[in-house]
Amino acid sequence: MANEDQVKGKAKEVGGKLKEEAGDAANKEDMKNEGQADQAEGKVQKGVGDAKDKLSD
């Protein structure tokens, strides 16, 4: 079962991808960069959740 960090991290990744694509489509480099940053942050948070999950096993 996924823990809170895994869920929030994945959601942030998906939201970041959508923001990146919207920025690309609108030709807004700042929005595209924010989306990429959100994706990276989400991956880190998901990684923390994965680590917590492994430690609890």
C-alpha atoms as a PDB file:
ATOM      1  CA  MET A   1       0.000   0.000   0.000  1.00  0.00           C
ATOM      2  CA  ALA A   2       1.294   3.449  -0.898  1.00  0.00           C
ATOM      3  CA  ASN A   3       2.143   5.864   1.885  1.00  0.00           C
ATOM      4  CA  GLU A   4       1.385   9.586   1.929  1.00  0.00           C
ATOM      5  CA  ASP A   5       4.785  10.649   0.554  1.00  0.00           C
ATOM      6  CA  GLN A   6       4.508   8.233  -2.357  1.00  0.00           C
ATOM      7  CA  VAL A   7       1.041   9.490  -3.283  1.00  0.00           C
ATOM      8  CA  LYS A   8       1.865  13.190  -2.912  1.00  0.00           C
ATOM      9  CA  GLY A   9       5.142  12.748  -4.781  1.00  0.00           C
ATOM     10  CA  LYS A  10       3.478  11.007  -7.709  1.00  0.00           C
ATOM     11  CA  ALA A  11       0.742  13.646  -7.815  1.00  0.00           C
ATOM     12  CA  LYS A  12       3.361  16.407  -7.893  1.00  0.00           C
ATOM     13  CA  GLU A  13       5.188  14.608 -10.717  1.00  0.00           C
ATOM     14  CA  VAL A  14       2.015  14.344 -12.792  1.00  0.00           C
ATOM     15  CA  GLY A  15       1.039  17.950 -12.095  1.00  0.00           C
ATOM     16  CA  GLY A  16       4.527  19.078 -13.017  1.00  0.00           C
ATOM     17  CA  LYS A  17       4.386  17.188 -16.295  1.00  0.00           C
ATOM     18  CA  LEU A  18       1.076  18.838 -17.152  1.00  0.00           C
ATOM     19  CA  LYS A  19       2.471  22.266 -16.251  1.00  0.00           C
ATOM     20  CA  GLU A  20       5.575  21.622 -18.358  1.00  0.00           C
ATOM     21  CA  GLU A  21       3.480  20.613 -21.363  1.00  0.00           C
ATOM     22  CA  ALA A  22       1.161  23.610 -20.928  1.00  0.00           C
ATOM     23  CA  GLY A  23       4.154  25.926 -20.769  1.00  0.00           C
ATOM     24  CA  ASP A  24       5.599  24.328 -23.869  1.00  0.00           C
ATOM     25  CA  ALA A  25       2.318  24.677 -25.755  1.00  0.00           C
ATOM     26  CA  ALA A  26       1.904  28.305 -24.659  1.00  0.00           C
ATOM     27  CA  ASN A  27       5.568  29.048 -25.361  1.00  0.00           C
ATOM     28  CA  LYS A  28       6.072  30.125 -21.727  1.00  0.00           C
ATOM     29  CA  GLU A  29       9.543  29.080 -20.659  1.00  0.00           C
ATOM     30  CA  ASP A  30       8.999  30.000 -16.991  1.00  0.00           C
ATOM     31  CA  MET A  31       5.938  27.751 -16.717  1.00  0.00           C
ATOM     32  CA  LYS A  32       7.799  24.943 -18.461  1.00  0.00           C
ATOM     33  CA  ASN A  33      10.698  25.302 -16.000  1.00  0.00           C
ATOM     34  CA  GLU A  34       8.325  25.329 -13.015  1.00  0.00           C
ATOM     35  CA  GLY A  35       6.785  22.097 -14.281  1.00  0.00           C
ATOM     36  CA  GLN A  36      10.199  20.471 -14.553  1.00  0.00           C
ATOM     37  CA  ALA A  37      11.060  21.611 -11.023  1.00  0.00           C
ATOM     38  CA  ASP A  38       7.759  20.228  -9.710  1.00  0.00           C
ATOM     39  CA  GLN A  39       8.503  16.896 -11.367  1.00  0.00           C
ATOM     40  CA  ALA A  40      11.926  16.734  -9.740  1.00  0.00           C
ATOM     41  CA  GLU A  41      10.475  17.615  -6.340  1.00  0.00           C
ATOM     42  CA  GLY A  42       7.798  14.962  -6.770  1.00  0.00           C
ATOM     43  CA  LYS A  43      10.387  12.313  -7.635  1.00  0.00           C
ATOM     44  CA  VAL A  44      12.339  13.151  -4.483  1.00  0.00           C
ATOM     45  CA  GLN A  45       9.217  13.012  -2.324  1.00  0.00           C
ATOM     46  CA  LYS A  46       8.192   9.705  -3.891  1.00  0.00           C
ATOM     47  CA  GLY A  47      11.707   8.401  -3.233  1.00  0.00           C
ATOM     48  CA  VAL A  48      11.385   9.361   0.426  1.00  0.00           C
ATOM     49  CA  GLY A  49       8.089   7.488   0.554  1.00  0.00           C
ATOM     50  CA  ASP A  50       9.662   4.457  -1.118  1.00  0.00           C
ATOM     51  CA  ALA A  51      12.467   4.495   1.461  1.00  0.00           C
ATOM     52  CA  LYS A  52       9.990   4.730   4.336  1.00  0.00           C
ATOM     53  CA  ASP A  53       8.063   1.833   2.838  1.00  0.00           C
ATOM     54  CA  LYS A  54      11.187  -0.340   2.647  1.00  0.00           C
ATOM     55  CA  LEU A  55      12.190   0.526   6.202  1.00  0.00           C
ATOM     56  CA  SER A  56       8.787  -0.470   7.529  1.00  0.00           C
ATOM     57  CA  ASP A  57       8.986  -3.923   5.890  1.00  0.00           C
END
